[in-house]
């Protein structure tokens, strides 16, 4: 799980610092995966492996990037293409619609999708979905999917909870809307059918040194 792939500005707060991985570190990490027999897959392949027993390649790994920052396109996308890898980008659709300077454009997202990257929803405005009105949750969860479908001609089936926050109502709505799975910010490596709306991830931080990265993915 990544967020920013860039050097934080000098006035960055602790959250921006923690969520940032330098382009150099990201390239070193992707090069390690490529040179050591890891194969990138996506959440669709994971679901088929779980439900249909579809065989996965050796050392499968799923790379995710949250929020849709412009540096994902500028710094992560070229590295992924260089090593023949794919990733899943969870994007906040209203931020793109409103042309926020820090976020990707639809042209960038459409280019990445055509290159084999998966683009999935991360809500419309990145709110805390807990204890919200049901219609509001549906607006955030379904609305962001419909926006992506309009741009990509593909119905996304996976969701990333904003800030990793959700409650039982959110889980029920995910099932009602026929999402196939959703990811959290909780650390972990196990993924099964029964917990498909609470899949864990391994967070890569600004302070994740290379040796620690190697230990995390082995």
N, C-alpha and C. Protein backbone atom coordinates (compact mmCIF):
# COMPACT_ATOMS: atom_id res chain seq x y z
N UNK A 1 0.84 -1.19 0.00
CA UNK A 1 0.00 0.00 0.00
C UNK A 1 0.88 1.24 0.00
N UNK A 2 0.73 2.04 -1.05
CA UNK A 2 1.44 3.30 -1.18
C UNK A 2 0.43 4.44 -1.26
N UNK A 3 0.94 5.66 -1.08
CA UNK A 3 0.15 6.88 -1.28
C UNK A 3 0.93 7.82 -2.20
N UNK A 4 1.66 8.76 -1.61
CA UNK A 4 2.50 9.65 -2.42
C UNK A 4 3.78 8.95 -2.86
N UNK A 5 4.17 9.18 -4.11
CA UNK A 5 5.49 8.73 -4.58
C UNK A 5 6.24 10.01 -4.95
N UNK A 6 6.74 10.68 -3.95
CA UNK A 6 7.42 11.96 -4.14
C UNK A 6 8.11 12.38 -2.85
N UNK A 7 8.97 13.38 -2.97
CA UNK A 7 9.65 13.96 -1.81
C UNK A 7 8.70 14.97 -1.18
N UNK A 8 8.42 14.86 0.13
CA UNK A 8 7.50 15.82 0.76
C UNK A 8 8.08 17.23 0.75
N UNK A 9 7.23 18.25 0.70
CA UNK A 9 7.72 19.63 0.80
C UNK A 9 8.29 19.89 2.19
N UNK A 10 9.05 20.96 2.30
CA UNK A 10 9.71 21.26 3.58
C UNK A 10 8.72 21.50 4.71
N UNK A 11 7.54 22.00 4.40
CA UNK A 11 6.55 22.30 5.43
C UNK A 11 5.55 21.15 5.63
N UNK A 12 5.89 19.96 5.15
CA UNK A 12 4.96 18.82 5.24
C UNK A 12 4.67 18.45 6.69
N UNK A 13 3.40 18.10 6.95
CA UNK A 13 3.05 17.65 8.29
C UNK A 13 3.40 16.18 8.44
N UNK A 14 3.14 15.63 9.63
CA UNK A 14 3.55 14.24 9.90
C UNK A 14 2.81 13.24 9.02
N UNK A 15 1.59 13.57 8.61
CA UNK A 15 0.82 12.65 7.78
C UNK A 15 1.40 12.60 6.37
N UNK A 16 1.72 13.77 5.83
CA UNK A 16 2.32 13.82 4.49
C UNK A 16 3.67 13.11 4.49
N UNK A 17 4.44 13.29 5.55
CA UNK A 17 5.73 12.62 5.65
C UNK A 17 5.56 11.11 5.68
N UNK A 18 4.63 10.65 6.52
CA UNK A 18 4.45 9.22 6.69
C UNK A 18 3.95 8.54 5.42
N UNK A 19 3.13 9.25 4.65
CA UNK A 19 2.50 8.67 3.46
C UNK A 19 3.37 8.78 2.21
N UNK A 20 4.56 9.32 2.34
CA UNK A 20 5.40 9.58 1.17
C UNK A 20 6.52 8.56 1.04
N UNK A 21 6.71 8.07 -0.18
CA UNK A 21 7.85 7.23 -0.53
C UNK A 21 8.57 7.94 -1.67
N UNK A 22 9.87 8.08 -1.57
CA UNK A 22 10.60 8.81 -2.60
C UNK A 22 10.59 8.03 -3.92
N UNK A 23 10.67 8.72 -5.06
CA UNK A 23 10.74 8.01 -6.34
C UNK A 23 11.91 7.04 -6.41
N UNK A 24 13.04 7.41 -5.79
CA UNK A 24 14.21 6.53 -5.80
C UNK A 24 13.94 5.25 -5.01
N UNK A 25 13.30 5.38 -3.84
CA UNK A 25 12.99 4.20 -3.04
C UNK A 25 11.96 3.32 -3.77
N UNK A 26 10.97 3.96 -4.38
CA UNK A 26 9.96 3.18 -5.10
C UNK A 26 10.60 2.40 -6.24
N UNK A 27 11.51 3.03 -6.97
CA UNK A 27 12.17 2.32 -8.06
C UNK A 27 13.00 1.17 -7.55
N UNK A 28 13.71 1.38 -6.45
CA UNK A 28 14.52 0.30 -5.87
C UNK A 28 13.63 -0.86 -5.44
N UNK A 29 12.48 -0.56 -4.86
CA UNK A 29 11.57 -1.60 -4.41
C UNK A 29 10.97 -2.38 -5.58
N UNK A 30 10.56 -1.67 -6.62
CA UNK A 30 10.00 -2.35 -7.79
C UNK A 30 11.07 -3.17 -8.51
N UNK A 31 12.28 -2.65 -8.56
CA UNK A 31 13.36 -3.40 -9.20
C UNK A 31 13.63 -4.68 -8.43
N UNK A 32 13.59 -4.61 -7.12
CA UNK A 32 13.79 -5.83 -6.31
C UNK A 32 12.72 -6.87 -6.64
N UNK A 33 11.46 -6.45 -6.69
CA UNK A 33 10.39 -7.39 -7.00
C UNK A 33 10.59 -8.02 -8.38
N UNK A 34 10.92 -7.18 -9.36
CA UNK A 34 11.08 -7.67 -10.73
C UNK A 34 12.25 -8.63 -10.86
N UNK A 35 13.33 -8.37 -10.13
CA UNK A 35 14.54 -9.18 -10.27
C UNK A 35 14.54 -10.41 -9.38
N UNK A 36 13.54 -10.54 -8.52
CA UNK A 36 13.52 -11.67 -7.59
C UNK A 36 12.28 -12.54 -7.74
N UNK A 37 11.74 -12.57 -8.94
CA UNK A 37 10.71 -13.55 -9.26
C UNK A 37 9.31 -13.22 -8.81
N UNK A 38 9.04 -11.96 -8.44
CA UNK A 38 7.69 -11.59 -8.06
C UNK A 38 6.90 -11.19 -9.30
N UNK A 39 5.62 -11.53 -9.31
CA UNK A 39 4.74 -11.19 -10.43
C UNK A 39 3.56 -10.39 -9.90
N UNK A 40 3.33 -9.23 -10.48
CA UNK A 40 2.18 -8.44 -10.04
C UNK A 40 0.89 -9.03 -10.58
N UNK A 41 -0.10 -9.09 -9.71
CA UNK A 41 -1.45 -9.49 -10.09
C UNK A 41 -2.39 -8.38 -9.62
N UNK A 42 -3.68 -8.52 -9.91
CA UNK A 42 -4.64 -7.54 -9.41
C UNK A 42 -5.69 -8.22 -8.54
N UNK A 43 -6.60 -7.43 -8.03
CA UNK A 43 -7.61 -7.97 -7.12
C UNK A 43 -8.59 -8.89 -7.82
N UNK A 44 -8.78 -8.70 -9.12
CA UNK A 44 -9.64 -9.60 -9.90
C UNK A 44 -9.03 -11.00 -9.94
N UNK A 45 -7.74 -11.06 -10.17
CA UNK A 45 -7.05 -12.36 -10.19
C UNK A 45 -7.07 -13.00 -8.80
N UNK A 46 -6.92 -12.19 -7.77
CA UNK A 46 -7.00 -12.72 -6.41
C UNK A 46 -8.37 -13.34 -6.16
N UNK A 47 -9.43 -12.64 -6.56
CA UNK A 47 -10.78 -13.17 -6.36
C UNK A 47 -11.00 -14.48 -7.11
N UNK A 48 -10.50 -14.53 -8.35
CA UNK A 48 -10.66 -15.77 -9.12
C UNK A 48 -9.87 -16.91 -8.51
N UNK A 49 -8.72 -16.60 -7.92
CA UNK A 49 -7.94 -17.64 -7.26
C UNK A 49 -8.68 -18.18 -6.03
N UNK A 50 -9.37 -17.29 -5.32
CA UNK A 50 -10.09 -17.69 -4.11
C UNK A 50 -11.37 -18.45 -4.45
N UNK A 51 -12.14 -17.94 -5.42
CA UNK A 51 -13.46 -18.53 -5.70
C UNK A 51 -13.42 -19.66 -6.71
N UNK A 52 -12.53 -19.56 -7.69
CA UNK A 52 -12.47 -20.57 -8.76
C UNK A 52 -11.22 -21.43 -8.72
N UNK A 53 -10.40 -21.22 -7.70
CA UNK A 53 -9.14 -21.97 -7.56
C UNK A 53 -8.22 -21.73 -8.77
N UNK A 54 -8.36 -20.57 -9.38
CA UNK A 54 -7.47 -20.26 -10.51
C UNK A 54 -6.04 -20.16 -10.01
N UNK A 55 -5.13 -20.79 -10.72
CA UNK A 55 -3.73 -20.81 -10.29
C UNK A 55 -3.10 -19.44 -10.47
N UNK A 56 -2.35 -19.01 -9.48
CA UNK A 56 -1.63 -17.75 -9.54
C UNK A 56 -0.19 -17.99 -9.92
N UNK A 57 0.49 -16.99 -10.47
CA UNK A 57 1.91 -17.15 -10.81
C UNK A 57 2.75 -17.26 -9.54
N UNK A 58 3.99 -17.66 -9.65
CA UNK A 58 4.86 -17.73 -8.47
C UNK A 58 5.04 -16.35 -7.85
N UNK A 59 5.09 -16.31 -6.54
CA UNK A 59 5.36 -15.06 -5.81
C UNK A 59 4.46 -13.91 -6.26
N UNK A 60 3.14 -14.09 -6.21
CA UNK A 60 2.25 -13.01 -6.64
C UNK A 60 2.25 -11.86 -5.63
N UNK A 61 2.14 -10.65 -6.14
CA UNK A 61 2.08 -9.48 -5.27
C UNK A 61 1.13 -8.46 -5.90
N UNK A 62 0.33 -7.83 -5.05
CA UNK A 62 -0.58 -6.77 -5.51
C UNK A 62 -0.05 -5.44 -5.00
N UNK A 63 0.15 -4.50 -5.92
CA UNK A 63 0.62 -3.16 -5.58
C UNK A 63 -0.57 -2.22 -5.64
N UNK A 64 -0.83 -1.49 -4.56
CA UNK A 64 -1.93 -0.52 -4.55
C UNK A 64 -1.40 0.86 -4.19
N UNK A 65 -2.03 1.87 -4.79
CA UNK A 65 -1.72 3.26 -4.50
C UNK A 65 -3.03 4.00 -4.26
N UNK A 66 -3.14 4.66 -3.13
CA UNK A 66 -4.40 5.30 -2.73
C UNK A 66 -4.42 6.79 -3.03
N UNK A 67 -5.61 7.29 -3.33
CA UNK A 67 -5.98 8.70 -3.39
C UNK A 67 -5.94 9.29 -4.79
N UNK A 68 -4.97 8.90 -5.62
CA UNK A 68 -4.94 9.43 -6.98
C UNK A 68 -4.06 10.65 -7.17
N UNK A 69 -2.97 10.73 -6.41
CA UNK A 69 -2.08 11.88 -6.52
C UNK A 69 -1.39 11.92 -7.89
N UNK A 70 -1.10 13.13 -8.34
CA UNK A 70 -0.46 13.32 -9.64
C UNK A 70 0.89 12.63 -9.71
N UNK A 71 1.60 12.58 -8.58
CA UNK A 71 2.92 11.93 -8.60
C UNK A 71 2.82 10.43 -8.86
N UNK A 72 1.64 9.84 -8.68
CA UNK A 72 1.46 8.43 -9.05
C UNK A 72 1.66 8.25 -10.55
N UNK A 73 1.15 9.20 -11.31
CA UNK A 73 1.30 9.16 -12.76
C UNK A 73 2.72 9.54 -13.17
N UNK A 74 3.25 10.59 -12.55
CA UNK A 74 4.55 11.12 -12.95
C UNK A 74 5.71 10.24 -12.51
N UNK A 75 5.60 9.64 -11.32
CA UNK A 75 6.75 8.92 -10.75
C UNK A 75 6.56 7.42 -10.61
N UNK A 76 5.35 6.95 -10.34
CA UNK A 76 5.13 5.51 -10.16
C UNK A 76 4.84 4.82 -11.49
N UNK A 77 3.98 5.38 -12.30
CA UNK A 77 3.57 4.76 -13.55
C UNK A 77 4.75 4.44 -14.48
N UNK A 78 5.70 5.36 -14.69
CA UNK A 78 6.84 5.02 -15.56
C UNK A 78 7.69 3.87 -15.03
N UNK A 79 7.84 3.79 -13.70
CA UNK A 79 8.64 2.71 -13.10
C UNK A 79 7.92 1.38 -13.28
N UNK A 80 6.63 1.36 -13.07
CA UNK A 80 5.86 0.13 -13.25
C UNK A 80 5.98 -0.36 -14.69
N UNK A 81 5.88 0.54 -15.64
CA UNK A 81 6.00 0.15 -17.04
C UNK A 81 7.42 -0.33 -17.36
N UNK A 82 8.40 0.31 -16.76
CA UNK A 82 9.79 -0.09 -17.01
C UNK A 82 10.03 -1.54 -16.64
N UNK A 83 9.41 -1.99 -15.55
CA UNK A 83 9.63 -3.35 -15.07
C UNK A 83 8.50 -4.30 -15.46
N UNK A 84 7.62 -3.87 -16.32
CA UNK A 84 6.54 -4.74 -16.78
C UNK A 84 5.57 -5.13 -15.69
N UNK A 85 5.28 -4.19 -14.79
CA UNK A 85 4.43 -4.48 -13.64
C UNK A 85 3.13 -3.70 -13.75
N UNK A 86 2.13 -4.16 -13.04
CA UNK A 86 0.86 -3.45 -12.95
C UNK A 86 0.57 -3.08 -11.51
N UNK A 87 -0.38 -2.17 -11.33
CA UNK A 87 -0.78 -1.75 -9.98
C UNK A 87 -2.24 -1.35 -10.02
N UNK A 88 -2.83 -1.26 -8.84
CA UNK A 88 -4.20 -0.80 -8.68
C UNK A 88 -4.18 0.57 -8.04
N UNK A 89 -4.82 1.54 -8.70
CA UNK A 89 -4.88 2.92 -8.21
C UNK A 89 -6.29 3.21 -7.72
N UNK A 90 -6.44 3.45 -6.43
CA UNK A 90 -7.73 3.82 -5.84
C UNK A 90 -7.82 5.34 -5.83
N UNK A 91 -8.79 5.89 -6.57
CA UNK A 91 -8.84 7.34 -6.77
C UNK A 91 -10.11 7.96 -6.18
N UNK A 92 -9.97 9.21 -5.74
CA UNK A 92 -11.08 10.00 -5.21
C UNK A 92 -11.64 10.80 -6.38
N UNK A 93 -12.81 10.43 -6.86
CA UNK A 93 -13.27 10.91 -8.16
C UNK A 93 -13.60 12.40 -8.20
N UNK A 94 -14.18 12.96 -7.14
CA UNK A 94 -14.52 14.39 -7.17
C UNK A 94 -13.27 15.26 -7.25
N UNK A 95 -12.18 14.83 -6.61
CA UNK A 95 -10.94 15.61 -6.66
C UNK A 95 -10.41 15.69 -8.10
N UNK A 96 -10.65 14.62 -8.85
CA UNK A 96 -10.23 14.62 -10.26
C UNK A 96 -11.19 15.47 -11.09
N UNK A 97 -12.48 15.31 -10.83
CA UNK A 97 -13.48 16.13 -11.53
C UNK A 97 -13.22 17.61 -11.34
N UNK A 98 -12.77 18.00 -10.15
CA UNK A 98 -12.55 19.40 -9.81
C UNK A 98 -11.15 19.90 -10.17
N UNK A 99 -10.36 19.04 -10.83
CA UNK A 99 -9.03 19.42 -11.32
C UNK A 99 -8.12 19.94 -10.21
N UNK A 100 -8.15 19.28 -9.06
CA UNK A 100 -7.23 19.65 -7.99
C UNK A 100 -5.79 19.46 -8.47
N UNK A 101 -4.95 20.42 -8.18
CA UNK A 101 -3.59 20.43 -8.72
C UNK A 101 -2.77 19.22 -8.30
N UNK A 102 -3.00 18.71 -7.09
CA UNK A 102 -2.19 17.59 -6.58
C UNK A 102 -2.63 16.24 -7.13
N UNK A 103 -3.76 16.22 -7.83
CA UNK A 103 -4.33 14.93 -8.24
C UNK A 103 -4.22 14.75 -9.76
N UNK A 104 -4.30 13.50 -10.16
CA UNK A 104 -4.23 13.17 -11.58
C UNK A 104 -5.42 13.75 -12.34
N UNK A 105 -5.28 13.82 -13.65
CA UNK A 105 -6.38 14.20 -14.53
C UNK A 105 -7.02 12.95 -15.10
N UNK A 106 -8.19 13.11 -15.70
CA UNK A 106 -8.84 11.96 -16.33
C UNK A 106 -8.01 11.43 -17.49
N UNK A 107 -7.33 12.32 -18.20
CA UNK A 107 -6.48 11.87 -19.31
C UNK A 107 -5.37 10.96 -18.80
N UNK A 108 -4.78 11.31 -17.68
CA UNK A 108 -3.73 10.48 -17.09
C UNK A 108 -4.29 9.12 -16.67
N UNK A 109 -5.43 9.15 -16.04
CA UNK A 109 -6.05 7.90 -15.55
C UNK A 109 -6.43 7.00 -16.72
N UNK A 110 -7.00 7.60 -17.76
CA UNK A 110 -7.38 6.80 -18.93
C UNK A 110 -6.15 6.21 -19.61
N UNK A 111 -5.05 6.95 -19.65
CA UNK A 111 -3.81 6.42 -20.23
C UNK A 111 -3.30 5.23 -19.42
N UNK A 112 -3.33 5.35 -18.10
CA UNK A 112 -2.86 4.25 -17.27
C UNK A 112 -3.74 3.02 -17.42
N UNK A 113 -5.05 3.23 -17.50
CA UNK A 113 -5.96 2.10 -17.67
C UNK A 113 -5.69 1.38 -18.99
N UNK A 114 -5.44 2.13 -20.04
CA UNK A 114 -5.14 1.51 -21.34
C UNK A 114 -3.82 0.74 -21.30
N UNK A 115 -2.92 1.13 -20.38
CA UNK A 115 -1.63 0.45 -20.24
C UNK A 115 -1.71 -0.75 -19.31
N UNK A 116 -2.91 -1.09 -18.83
CA UNK A 116 -3.08 -2.28 -18.01
C UNK A 116 -3.18 -2.06 -16.52
N UNK A 117 -3.16 -0.79 -16.09
CA UNK A 117 -3.32 -0.51 -14.67
C UNK A 117 -4.80 -0.60 -14.30
N UNK A 118 -5.07 -1.01 -13.09
CA UNK A 118 -6.45 -1.07 -12.60
C UNK A 118 -6.76 0.25 -11.88
N UNK A 119 -7.91 0.83 -12.18
CA UNK A 119 -8.37 2.05 -11.54
C UNK A 119 -9.66 1.73 -10.80
N UNK A 120 -9.67 1.92 -9.50
CA UNK A 120 -10.81 1.54 -8.67
C UNK A 120 -11.20 2.72 -7.76
N UNK A 121 -12.43 2.74 -7.26
CA UNK A 121 -12.89 3.89 -6.47
C UNK A 121 -12.41 3.92 -5.03
N UNK A 122 -12.21 5.16 -4.58
CA UNK A 122 -11.81 5.46 -3.20
C UNK A 122 -12.76 6.50 -2.61
N UNK A 123 -14.02 6.48 -3.11
CA UNK A 123 -15.10 7.39 -2.74
C UNK A 123 -15.09 8.63 -3.63
N UNK A 124 -16.08 9.49 -3.43
CA UNK A 124 -16.16 10.73 -4.20
C UNK A 124 -15.35 11.86 -3.57
N UNK A 125 -15.39 11.95 -2.21
CA UNK A 125 -14.75 13.09 -1.54
C UNK A 125 -13.87 12.70 -0.36
N UNK A 126 -13.63 11.40 -0.16
CA UNK A 126 -12.76 10.89 0.90
C UNK A 126 -13.26 11.23 2.32
N UNK A 127 -14.55 10.97 2.61
CA UNK A 127 -15.06 11.21 3.97
C UNK A 127 -14.91 9.99 4.86
N UNK A 128 -15.08 10.18 6.13
CA UNK A 128 -15.24 9.07 7.07
C UNK A 128 -16.64 8.51 6.85
N UNK A 129 -16.73 7.24 6.46
CA UNK A 129 -18.02 6.64 6.13
C UNK A 129 -18.75 6.06 7.34
N UNK A 130 -18.14 6.10 8.48
CA UNK A 130 -18.76 5.52 9.68
C UNK A 130 -19.90 6.40 10.18
N UNK A 131 -20.97 5.73 10.64
CA UNK A 131 -22.11 6.40 11.28
C UNK A 131 -22.70 7.50 10.41
N UNK A 132 -22.74 7.24 9.12
CA UNK A 132 -23.33 8.19 8.19
C UNK A 132 -24.70 7.72 7.75
N UNK A 133 -25.48 8.66 7.22
CA UNK A 133 -26.77 8.31 6.64
C UNK A 133 -26.56 7.31 5.50
N UNK A 134 -27.45 6.35 5.41
CA UNK A 134 -27.30 5.28 4.42
C UNK A 134 -27.20 5.85 3.00
N UNK A 135 -28.07 6.80 2.66
CA UNK A 135 -28.04 7.36 1.31
C UNK A 135 -26.72 8.04 1.02
N UNK A 136 -26.13 8.66 2.03
CA UNK A 136 -24.85 9.33 1.84
C UNK A 136 -23.74 8.31 1.54
N UNK A 137 -23.76 7.20 2.24
CA UNK A 137 -22.76 6.16 2.00
C UNK A 137 -22.91 5.62 0.58
N UNK A 138 -24.14 5.36 0.17
CA UNK A 138 -24.38 4.88 -1.20
C UNK A 138 -23.90 5.90 -2.22
N UNK A 139 -24.15 7.17 -1.96
CA UNK A 139 -23.69 8.25 -2.84
C UNK A 139 -22.18 8.19 -3.02
N UNK A 140 -21.45 7.98 -1.93
CA UNK A 140 -19.99 7.94 -1.98
C UNK A 140 -19.48 6.66 -2.65
N UNK A 141 -20.07 5.55 -2.31
CA UNK A 141 -19.57 4.25 -2.76
C UNK A 141 -20.01 3.94 -4.20
N UNK A 142 -21.28 4.18 -4.49
CA UNK A 142 -21.79 3.92 -5.83
C UNK A 142 -21.45 5.06 -6.79
N UNK A 143 -21.53 6.28 -6.30
CA UNK A 143 -21.26 7.42 -7.17
C UNK A 143 -19.86 7.42 -7.73
N UNK A 144 -18.88 7.08 -6.90
CA UNK A 144 -17.50 7.05 -7.39
C UNK A 144 -17.30 5.93 -8.41
N UNK A 145 -17.97 4.81 -8.20
CA UNK A 145 -17.88 3.71 -9.17
C UNK A 145 -18.50 4.12 -10.50
N UNK A 146 -19.65 4.77 -10.46
CA UNK A 146 -20.32 5.17 -11.69
C UNK A 146 -19.50 6.20 -12.47
N UNK A 147 -18.82 7.08 -11.74
CA UNK A 147 -17.96 8.06 -12.41
C UNK A 147 -16.83 7.36 -13.15
N UNK A 148 -16.19 6.41 -12.48
CA UNK A 148 -15.11 5.67 -13.13
C UNK A 148 -15.62 4.86 -14.31
N UNK A 149 -16.77 4.25 -14.16
CA UNK A 149 -17.32 3.45 -15.25
C UNK A 149 -17.59 4.31 -16.48
N UNK A 150 -18.03 5.55 -16.26
CA UNK A 150 -18.30 6.45 -17.38
C UNK A 150 -17.02 6.80 -18.13
N UNK A 151 -15.91 6.90 -17.42
CA UNK A 151 -14.65 7.28 -18.05
C UNK A 151 -13.91 6.09 -18.64
N UNK A 152 -14.07 4.91 -18.04
CA UNK A 152 -13.23 3.77 -18.40
C UNK A 152 -13.99 2.67 -19.16
N UNK A 153 -15.32 2.81 -19.26
CA UNK A 153 -16.13 1.77 -19.91
C UNK A 153 -15.92 0.41 -19.27
N UNK A 154 -15.77 0.41 -17.97
CA UNK A 154 -15.55 -0.82 -17.20
C UNK A 154 -16.10 -0.58 -15.80
N UNK A 155 -16.85 -1.54 -15.29
CA UNK A 155 -17.42 -1.39 -13.95
C UNK A 155 -16.42 -1.85 -12.90
N UNK A 156 -15.87 -0.94 -12.11
CA UNK A 156 -14.95 -1.34 -11.05
C UNK A 156 -15.67 -2.18 -10.00
N UNK A 157 -14.96 -3.14 -9.44
CA UNK A 157 -15.56 -4.06 -8.48
C UNK A 157 -14.92 -4.02 -7.10
N UNK A 158 -13.94 -3.13 -6.92
CA UNK A 158 -13.22 -3.09 -5.64
C UNK A 158 -13.17 -1.67 -5.12
N UNK A 159 -13.06 -1.54 -3.81
CA UNK A 159 -13.16 -0.24 -3.15
C UNK A 159 -12.11 -0.16 -2.05
N UNK A 160 -11.59 1.04 -1.85
CA UNK A 160 -10.71 1.29 -0.71
C UNK A 160 -11.40 2.27 0.22
N UNK A 161 -11.55 1.90 1.48
CA UNK A 161 -12.25 2.77 2.44
C UNK A 161 -11.42 4.02 2.73
N UNK A 162 -12.01 5.20 2.63
CA UNK A 162 -11.27 6.43 2.93
C UNK A 162 -10.73 6.42 4.36
N UNK A 163 -9.44 6.61 4.48
CA UNK A 163 -8.83 6.57 5.80
C UNK A 163 -8.89 5.20 6.45
N UNK A 164 -9.34 4.20 5.70
CA UNK A 164 -9.48 2.85 6.25
C UNK A 164 -10.65 2.71 7.20
N UNK A 165 -11.59 3.67 7.20
CA UNK A 165 -12.67 3.69 8.18
C UNK A 165 -13.97 3.17 7.58
N UNK A 166 -14.62 2.28 8.31
CA UNK A 166 -15.90 1.70 7.87
C UNK A 166 -16.59 1.10 9.07
N UNK A 167 -17.87 0.78 8.93
CA UNK A 167 -18.63 0.12 9.98
C UNK A 167 -19.51 -0.96 9.36
N UNK A 168 -20.36 -1.57 10.16
CA UNK A 168 -21.17 -2.67 9.65
C UNK A 168 -22.11 -2.23 8.54
N UNK A 169 -22.65 -1.03 8.63
CA UNK A 169 -23.53 -0.54 7.56
C UNK A 169 -22.77 -0.45 6.24
N UNK A 170 -21.53 0.03 6.29
CA UNK A 170 -20.72 0.14 5.08
C UNK A 170 -20.49 -1.24 4.48
N UNK A 171 -20.17 -2.21 5.33
CA UNK A 171 -19.95 -3.57 4.84
C UNK A 171 -21.20 -4.13 4.18
N UNK A 172 -22.36 -3.86 4.76
CA UNK A 172 -23.61 -4.34 4.17
C UNK A 172 -23.85 -3.70 2.81
N UNK A 173 -23.57 -2.42 2.69
CA UNK A 173 -23.78 -1.71 1.43
C UNK A 173 -22.82 -2.22 0.36
N UNK A 174 -21.60 -2.53 0.74
CA UNK A 174 -20.66 -3.08 -0.24
C UNK A 174 -21.21 -4.35 -0.88
N UNK A 175 -21.81 -5.21 -0.05
CA UNK A 175 -22.39 -6.45 -0.57
C UNK A 175 -23.62 -6.16 -1.43
N UNK A 176 -24.47 -5.24 -0.97
CA UNK A 176 -25.68 -4.90 -1.72
C UNK A 176 -25.35 -4.35 -3.11
N UNK A 177 -24.28 -3.59 -3.21
CA UNK A 177 -23.88 -2.98 -4.47
C UNK A 177 -23.03 -3.91 -5.33
N UNK A 178 -22.89 -5.14 -4.89
CA UNK A 178 -22.19 -6.17 -5.64
C UNK A 178 -20.72 -5.82 -5.90
N UNK A 179 -20.10 -5.20 -4.90
CA UNK A 179 -18.65 -5.10 -4.94
C UNK A 179 -18.09 -6.49 -4.66
N UNK A 180 -16.99 -6.80 -5.29
CA UNK A 180 -16.37 -8.12 -5.09
C UNK A 180 -15.38 -8.13 -3.94
N UNK A 181 -14.96 -6.97 -3.50
CA UNK A 181 -14.03 -6.91 -2.39
C UNK A 181 -13.69 -5.47 -2.07
N UNK A 182 -13.03 -5.28 -0.93
CA UNK A 182 -12.61 -3.94 -0.52
C UNK A 182 -11.37 -4.08 0.36
N UNK A 183 -10.56 -3.04 0.32
CA UNK A 183 -9.31 -3.07 1.08
C UNK A 183 -9.34 -2.05 2.21
N UNK A 184 -8.65 -2.39 3.28
CA UNK A 184 -8.54 -1.55 4.46
C UNK A 184 -7.11 -0.99 4.54
N UNK A 185 -6.83 -0.31 5.64
CA UNK A 185 -5.45 0.11 5.91
C UNK A 185 -4.83 -0.72 7.02
N UNK A 186 -5.55 -1.75 7.46
CA UNK A 186 -5.04 -2.64 8.50
C UNK A 186 -3.94 -3.51 7.92
N UNK A 187 -2.89 -3.72 8.69
CA UNK A 187 -1.78 -4.53 8.22
C UNK A 187 -2.11 -6.01 8.25
N UNK A 188 -1.68 -6.74 7.21
CA UNK A 188 -1.88 -8.18 7.16
C UNK A 188 -1.67 -8.72 5.77
N UNK A 189 -1.58 -10.05 5.68
CA UNK A 189 -1.27 -10.70 4.41
C UNK A 189 -2.29 -11.76 4.01
N UNK A 190 -3.21 -12.13 4.91
CA UNK A 190 -4.17 -13.18 4.59
C UNK A 190 -5.38 -12.59 3.88
N UNK A 191 -5.84 -13.28 2.81
CA UNK A 191 -7.01 -12.83 2.07
C UNK A 191 -7.87 -14.04 1.71
N UNK A 192 -9.12 -14.02 2.15
CA UNK A 192 -10.04 -15.11 1.86
C UNK A 192 -11.38 -14.59 1.41
N UNK A 193 -12.30 -15.49 1.14
CA UNK A 193 -13.62 -15.10 0.64
C UNK A 193 -14.45 -14.43 1.73
N UNK A 194 -14.46 -14.99 2.93
CA UNK A 194 -15.31 -14.48 4.00
C UNK A 194 -14.91 -13.08 4.45
N UNK A 195 -13.65 -12.72 4.27
CA UNK A 195 -13.20 -11.38 4.69
C UNK A 195 -12.95 -10.47 3.50
N UNK A 196 -13.64 -10.74 2.38
CA UNK A 196 -13.34 -10.02 1.14
C UNK A 196 -13.65 -8.52 1.20
N UNK A 197 -14.45 -8.08 2.15
CA UNK A 197 -14.70 -6.65 2.31
C UNK A 197 -13.82 -6.03 3.38
N UNK A 198 -12.88 -6.81 3.87
CA UNK A 198 -11.94 -6.30 4.88
C UNK A 198 -10.52 -6.80 4.62
N UNK A 199 -10.14 -6.82 3.35
CA UNK A 199 -8.80 -7.29 3.01
C UNK A 199 -7.74 -6.33 3.54
N UNK A 200 -6.73 -6.93 4.12
CA UNK A 200 -5.64 -6.16 4.72
C UNK A 200 -4.56 -5.86 3.67
N UNK A 201 -3.65 -4.97 4.04
CA UNK A 201 -2.53 -4.64 3.16
C UNK A 201 -1.27 -4.42 3.99
N UNK A 202 -0.15 -4.33 3.31
CA UNK A 202 1.13 -4.05 3.96
C UNK A 202 1.52 -2.62 3.62
N UNK A 203 1.58 -1.75 4.62
CA UNK A 203 1.85 -0.33 4.38
C UNK A 203 3.35 -0.10 4.17
N UNK A 204 3.68 0.62 3.11
CA UNK A 204 5.04 1.05 2.87
C UNK A 204 5.12 2.54 3.22
N UNK A 205 6.01 2.87 4.14
CA UNK A 205 6.10 4.22 4.69
C UNK A 205 7.34 4.96 4.20
N UNK A 206 7.38 6.23 4.53
CA UNK A 206 8.55 7.04 4.26
C UNK A 206 9.79 6.47 4.93
N UNK A 207 9.59 5.85 6.11
CA UNK A 207 10.72 5.34 6.89
C UNK A 207 10.96 3.85 6.67
N UNK A 208 10.29 3.26 5.68
CA UNK A 208 10.50 1.84 5.38
C UNK A 208 11.80 1.70 4.61
N UNK A 209 12.85 1.28 5.30
CA UNK A 209 14.15 1.10 4.65
C UNK A 209 14.12 -0.15 3.77
N UNK A 210 15.06 -0.23 2.86
CA UNK A 210 15.04 -1.29 1.87
C UNK A 210 15.07 -2.67 2.51
N UNK A 211 15.93 -2.88 3.51
CA UNK A 211 15.99 -4.20 4.16
C UNK A 211 14.65 -4.57 4.79
N UNK A 212 13.98 -3.58 5.35
CA UNK A 212 12.66 -3.84 5.94
C UNK A 212 11.65 -4.18 4.84
N UNK A 213 11.72 -3.49 3.71
CA UNK A 213 10.84 -3.80 2.58
C UNK A 213 11.03 -5.25 2.14
N UNK A 214 12.27 -5.69 2.03
CA UNK A 214 12.55 -7.07 1.63
C UNK A 214 11.92 -8.04 2.63
N UNK A 215 12.06 -7.76 3.91
CA UNK A 215 11.47 -8.62 4.93
C UNK A 215 9.94 -8.64 4.83
N UNK A 216 9.34 -7.51 4.50
CA UNK A 216 7.88 -7.43 4.44
C UNK A 216 7.31 -8.25 3.30
N UNK A 217 8.01 -8.31 2.17
CA UNK A 217 7.45 -8.99 1.00
C UNK A 217 7.82 -10.45 0.93
N UNK A 218 8.76 -10.92 1.73
CA UNK A 218 9.16 -12.31 1.67
C UNK A 218 8.16 -13.20 2.40
